[in-house]
């Protein structure tokens, strides 16, 4: 299974210019992407382990 890439860190100073609604939308987007990535990784792990002899 491929390893997960290291994601770049975002300094909180860069987010101060966002409106509150935009910030929370970005947070929700990040959470959904993370949840999806972990779900896909779990599925890939199951597929890889079930296809081995």
PDB file of N, CA and C in Angstrom:
ATOM      1  N   UNK A   1       0.860  -1.169   0.000  1.00  0.00           N
ATOM      2  CA  UNK A   1       0.000   0.000   0.000  1.00  0.00           C
ATOM      3  C   UNK A   1       0.910   1.237   0.000  1.00  0.00           C
ATOM      4  N   UNK A   2       0.591   2.218  -0.823  1.00  0.00           N
ATOM      5  CA  UNK A   2       1.420   3.432  -0.849  1.00  0.00           C
ATOM      6  C   UNK A   2       1.301   4.207   0.461  1.00  0.00           C
ATOM      7  N   UNK A   3       2.389   4.841   0.842  1.00  0.00           N
ATOM      8  CA  UNK A   3       2.350   5.630   2.073  1.00  0.00           C
ATOM      9  C   UNK A   3       1.624   6.953   1.810  1.00  0.00           C
ATOM     10  N   UNK A   4       1.078   7.494   2.862  1.00  0.00           N
ATOM     11  CA  UNK A   4       0.371   8.778   2.731  1.00  0.00           C
ATOM     12  C   UNK A   4       1.400   9.901   2.613  1.00  0.00           C
ATOM     13  N   UNK A   5       1.179  10.816   1.689  1.00  0.00           N
ATOM     14  CA  UNK A   5       2.133  11.915   1.538  1.00  0.00           C
ATOM     15  C   UNK A   5       2.034  12.883   2.720  1.00  0.00           C
ATOM     16  N   UNK A   6       3.136  13.522   3.005  1.00  0.00           N
ATOM     17  CA  UNK A   6       3.124  14.554   4.046  1.00  0.00           C
ATOM     18  C   UNK A   6       2.427  15.790   3.479  1.00  0.00           C
ATOM     19  N   UNK A   7       1.458  16.274   4.189  1.00  0.00           N
ATOM     20  CA  UNK A   7       0.720  17.450   3.729  1.00  0.00           C
ATOM     21  C   UNK A   7       1.401  18.719   4.231  1.00  0.00           C
ATOM     22  N   UNK A   8       1.361  19.765   3.436  1.00  0.00           N
ATOM     23  CA  UNK A   8       1.976  21.014   3.884  1.00  0.00           C
ATOM     24  C   UNK A   8       1.188  21.614   5.049  1.00  0.00           C
ATOM     25  N   UNK A   9       1.904  22.198   5.961  1.00  0.00           N
ATOM     26  CA  UNK A   9       1.252  22.865   7.089  1.00  0.00           C
ATOM     27  C   UNK A   9       0.950  24.298   6.700  1.00  0.00           C
ATOM     28  N   UNK A  10      -0.178  24.784   7.169  1.00  0.00           N
ATOM     29  CA  UNK A  10      -0.577  26.154   6.881  1.00  0.00           C
ATOM     30  C   UNK A  10      -0.474  26.956   8.170  1.00  0.00           C
ATOM     31  N   UNK A  11       0.290  28.005   8.123  1.00  0.00           N
ATOM     32  CA  UNK A  11       0.463  28.876   9.270  1.00  0.00           C
ATOM     33  C   UNK A  11      -0.853  29.627   9.529  1.00  0.00           C
ATOM     34  N   UNK A  12      -1.249  29.720  10.778  1.00  0.00           N
ATOM     35  CA  UNK A  12      -2.519  30.378  11.108  1.00  0.00           C
ATOM     36  C   UNK A  12      -2.546  31.838  10.671  1.00  0.00           C
ATOM     37  N   UNK A  13      -1.388  32.470  10.543  1.00  0.00           N
ATOM     38  CA  UNK A  13      -1.346  33.866  10.086  1.00  0.00           C
ATOM     39  C   UNK A  13      -1.923  34.002   8.676  1.00  0.00           C
ATOM     40  N   UNK A  14      -1.758  32.959   7.863  1.00  0.00           N
ATOM     41  CA  UNK A  14      -2.255  33.006   6.495  1.00  0.00           C
ATOM     42  C   UNK A  14      -3.770  32.902   6.431  1.00  0.00           C
ATOM     43  N   UNK A  15      -4.395  32.439   7.486  1.00  0.00           N
ATOM     44  CA  UNK A  15      -5.845  32.265   7.487  1.00  0.00           C
ATOM     45  C   UNK A  15      -6.588  33.449   8.101  1.00  0.00           C
ATOM     46  N   UNK A  16      -5.852  34.377   8.687  1.00  0.00           N
ATOM     47  CA  UNK A  16      -6.500  35.508   9.356  1.00  0.00           C
ATOM     48  C   UNK A  16      -7.258  36.416   8.395  1.00  0.00           C
ATOM     49  N   UNK A  17      -6.874  36.420   7.132  1.00  0.00           N
ATOM     50  CA  UNK A  17      -7.527  37.309   6.176  1.00  0.00           C
ATOM     51  C   UNK A  17      -8.871  36.764   5.691  1.00  0.00           C
ATOM     52  N   UNK A  18      -9.181  35.507   6.026  1.00  0.00           N
ATOM     53  CA  UNK A  18     -10.443  34.916   5.597  1.00  0.00           C
ATOM     54  C   UNK A  18     -11.597  35.394   6.469  1.00  0.00           C
ATOM     55  N   UNK A  19     -12.738  35.562   5.834  1.00  0.00           N
ATOM     56  CA  UNK A  19     -13.959  35.838   6.594  1.00  0.00           C
ATOM     57  C   UNK A  19     -14.289  34.589   7.414  1.00  0.00           C
ATOM     58  N   UNK A  20     -15.002  34.760   8.523  1.00  0.00           N
ATOM     59  CA  UNK A  20     -15.322  33.624   9.395  1.00  0.00           C
ATOM     60  C   UNK A  20     -16.032  32.504   8.635  1.00  0.00           C
ATOM     61  N   UNK A  21     -17.014  32.854   7.802  1.00  0.00           N
ATOM     62  CA  UNK A  21     -17.747  31.833   7.050  1.00  0.00           C
ATOM     63  C   UNK A  21     -16.816  31.067   6.104  1.00  0.00           C
ATOM     64  N   UNK A  22     -15.914  31.770   5.463  1.00  0.00           N
ATOM     65  CA  UNK A  22     -14.960  31.126   4.553  1.00  0.00           C
ATOM     66  C   UNK A  22     -14.014  30.210   5.317  1.00  0.00           C
ATOM     67  N   UNK A  23     -13.575  30.636   6.481  1.00  0.00           N
ATOM     68  CA  UNK A  23     -12.692  29.820   7.314  1.00  0.00           C
ATOM     69  C   UNK A  23     -13.382  28.510   7.691  1.00  0.00           C
ATOM     70  N   UNK A  24     -14.638  28.592   8.164  1.00  0.00           N
ATOM     71  CA  UNK A  24     -15.343  27.383   8.584  1.00  0.00           C
ATOM     72  C   UNK A  24     -15.676  26.486   7.404  1.00  0.00           C
ATOM     73  N   UNK A  25     -15.923  27.074   6.231  1.00  0.00           N
ATOM     74  CA  UNK A  25     -16.136  26.281   5.036  1.00  0.00           C
ATOM     75  C   UNK A  25     -14.856  25.513   4.672  1.00  0.00           C
ATOM     76  N   UNK A  26     -13.720  26.180   4.795  1.00  0.00           N
ATOM     77  CA  UNK A  26     -12.433  25.548   4.526  1.00  0.00           C
ATOM     78  C   UNK A  26     -12.161  24.425   5.526  1.00  0.00           C
ATOM     79  N   UNK A  27     -12.478  24.653   6.785  1.00  0.00           N
ATOM     80  CA  UNK A  27     -12.312  23.622   7.818  1.00  0.00           C
ATOM     81  C   UNK A  27     -13.175  22.399   7.501  1.00  0.00           C
ATOM     82  N   UNK A  28     -14.430  22.640   7.115  1.00  0.00           N
ATOM     83  CA  UNK A  28     -15.347  21.544   6.789  1.00  0.00           C
ATOM     84  C   UNK A  28     -14.842  20.781   5.569  1.00  0.00           C
ATOM     85  N   UNK A  29     -14.342  21.496   4.575  1.00  0.00           N
ATOM     86  CA  UNK A  29     -13.781  20.868   3.374  1.00  0.00           C
ATOM     87  C   UNK A  29     -12.589  19.991   3.741  1.00  0.00           C
ATOM     88  N   UNK A  30     -11.718  20.494   4.564  1.00  0.00           N
ATOM     89  CA  UNK A  30     -10.536  19.742   4.995  1.00  0.00           C
ATOM     90  C   UNK A  30     -10.942  18.481   5.753  1.00  0.00           C
ATOM     91  N   UNK A  31     -11.922  18.599   6.623  1.00  0.00           N
ATOM     92  CA  UNK A  31     -12.401  17.452   7.396  1.00  0.00           C
ATOM     93  C   UNK A  31     -12.988  16.394   6.472  1.00  0.00           C
ATOM     94  N   UNK A  32     -13.799  16.825   5.499  1.00  0.00           N
ATOM     95  CA  UNK A  32     -14.406  15.865   4.578  1.00  0.00           C
ATOM     96  C   UNK A  32     -13.353  15.163   3.723  1.00  0.00           C
ATOM     97  N   UNK A  33     -12.363  15.915   3.252  1.00  0.00           N
ATOM     98  CA  UNK A  33     -11.293  15.307   2.455  1.00  0.00           C
ATOM     99  C   UNK A  33     -10.496  14.302   3.280  1.00  0.00           C
ATOM    100  N   UNK A  34     -10.224  14.649   4.526  1.00  0.00           N
ATOM    101  CA  UNK A  34      -9.484  13.752   5.409  1.00  0.00           C
ATOM    102  C   UNK A  34     -10.287  12.483   5.679  1.00  0.00           C
ATOM    103  N   UNK A  35     -11.572  12.643   5.978  1.00  0.00           N
ATOM    104  CA  UNK A  35     -12.432  11.477   6.214  1.00  0.00           C
ATOM    105  C   UNK A  35     -12.465  10.575   4.988  1.00  0.00           C
ATOM    106  N   UNK A  36     -12.599  11.175   3.805  1.00  0.00           N
ATOM    107  CA  UNK A  36     -12.638  10.419   2.558  1.00  0.00           C
ATOM    108  C   UNK A  36     -11.319   9.673   2.345  1.00  0.00           C
ATOM    109  N   UNK A  37     -10.198  10.349   2.588  1.00  0.00           N
ATOM    110  CA  UNK A  37      -8.893   9.728   2.379  1.00  0.00           C
ATOM    111  C   UNK A  37      -8.706   8.531   3.306  1.00  0.00           C
ATOM    112  N   UNK A  38      -9.102   8.645   4.557  1.00  0.00           N
ATOM    113  CA  UNK A  38      -8.977   7.522   5.486  1.00  0.00           C
ATOM    114  C   UNK A  38      -9.906   6.373   5.093  1.00  0.00           C
ATOM    115  N   UNK A  39     -11.091   6.706   4.610  1.00  0.00           N
ATOM    116  CA  UNK A  39     -12.017   5.675   4.156  1.00  0.00           C
ATOM    117  C   UNK A  39     -11.435   4.932   2.944  1.00  0.00           C
ATOM    118  N   UNK A  40     -10.883   5.669   1.995  1.00  0.00           N
ATOM    119  CA  UNK A  40     -10.280   5.052   0.812  1.00  0.00           C
ATOM    120  C   UNK A  40      -9.067   4.203   1.198  1.00  0.00           C
ATOM    121  N   UNK A  41      -8.291   4.678   2.144  1.00  0.00           N
ATOM    122  CA  UNK A  41      -7.113   3.924   2.607  1.00  0.00           C
ATOM    123  C   UNK A  41      -7.558   2.618   3.262  1.00  0.00           C
ATOM    124  N   UNK A  42      -8.636   2.672   4.042  1.00  0.00           N
ATOM    125  CA  UNK A  42      -9.171   1.461   4.659  1.00  0.00           C
ATOM    126  C   UNK A  42      -9.664   0.469   3.618  1.00  0.00           C
ATOM    127  N   UNK A  43     -10.357   0.966   2.592  1.00  0.00           N
ATOM    128  CA  UNK A  43     -10.833   0.093   1.525  1.00  0.00           C
ATOM    129  C   UNK A  43      -9.663  -0.543   0.767  1.00  0.00           C
ATOM    130  N   UNK A  44      -8.664   0.247   0.491  1.00  0.00           N
ATOM    131  CA  UNK A  44      -7.488  -0.254  -0.210  1.00  0.00           C
ATOM    132  C   UNK A  44      -6.778  -1.322   0.623  1.00  0.00           C
ATOM    133  N   UNK A  45      -6.695  -1.088   1.929  1.00  0.00           N
ATOM    134  CA  UNK A  45      -6.086  -2.083   2.809  1.00  0.00           C
ATOM    135  C   UNK A  45      -6.866  -3.397   2.790  1.00  0.00           C
ATOM    136  N   UNK A  46      -8.198  -3.311   2.802  1.00  0.00           N
ATOM    137  CA  UNK A  46      -9.027  -4.521   2.739  1.00  0.00           C
ATOM    138  C   UNK A  46      -8.837  -5.240   1.419  1.00  0.00           C
ATOM    139  N   UNK A  47      -8.846  -4.488   0.325  1.00  0.00           N
ATOM    140  CA  UNK A  47      -8.671  -5.100  -0.991  1.00  0.00           C
ATOM    141  C   UNK A  47      -7.312  -5.764  -1.125  1.00  0.00           C
ATOM    142  N   UNK A  48      -6.290  -5.107  -0.645  1.00  0.00           N
ATOM    143  CA  UNK A  48      -4.941  -5.670  -0.729  1.00  0.00           C
ATOM    144  C   UNK A  48      -4.796  -6.926   0.113  1.00  0.00           C
ATOM    145  N   UNK A  49      -5.376  -6.916   1.307  1.00  0.00           N
ATOM    146  CA  UNK A  49      -5.239  -8.086   2.186  1.00  0.00           C
ATOM    147  C   UNK A  49      -6.103  -9.245   1.722  1.00  0.00           C
ATOM    148  N   UNK A  50      -7.247  -8.971   1.100  1.00  0.00           N
ATOM    149  CA  UNK A  50      -8.112 -10.068   0.654  1.00  0.00           C
ATOM    150  C   UNK A  50      -7.632 -10.680  -0.659  1.00  0.00           C
ATOM    151  N   UNK A  51      -6.794  -9.976  -1.418  1.00  0.00           N
ATOM    152  CA  UNK A  51      -6.328 -10.510  -2.696  1.00  0.00           C
ATOM    153  C   UNK A  51      -5.027 -11.303  -2.554  1.00  0.00           C
ATOM    154  N   UNK A  52      -4.439 -11.315  -1.371  1.00  0.00           N
ATOM    155  CA  UNK A  52      -3.201 -12.081  -1.165  1.00  0.00           C
ATOM    156  C   UNK A  52      -3.538 -13.545  -0.958  1.00  0.00           C
ATOM    157  N   UNK A  53      -2.715 -14.464  -1.499  1.00  0.00           N
ATOM    158  CA  UNK A  53      -3.002 -15.909  -1.361  1.00  0.00           C
ATOM    159  C   UNK A  53      -2.864 -16.406   0.050  1.00  0.00           C
TER     160      UNK A  53
END
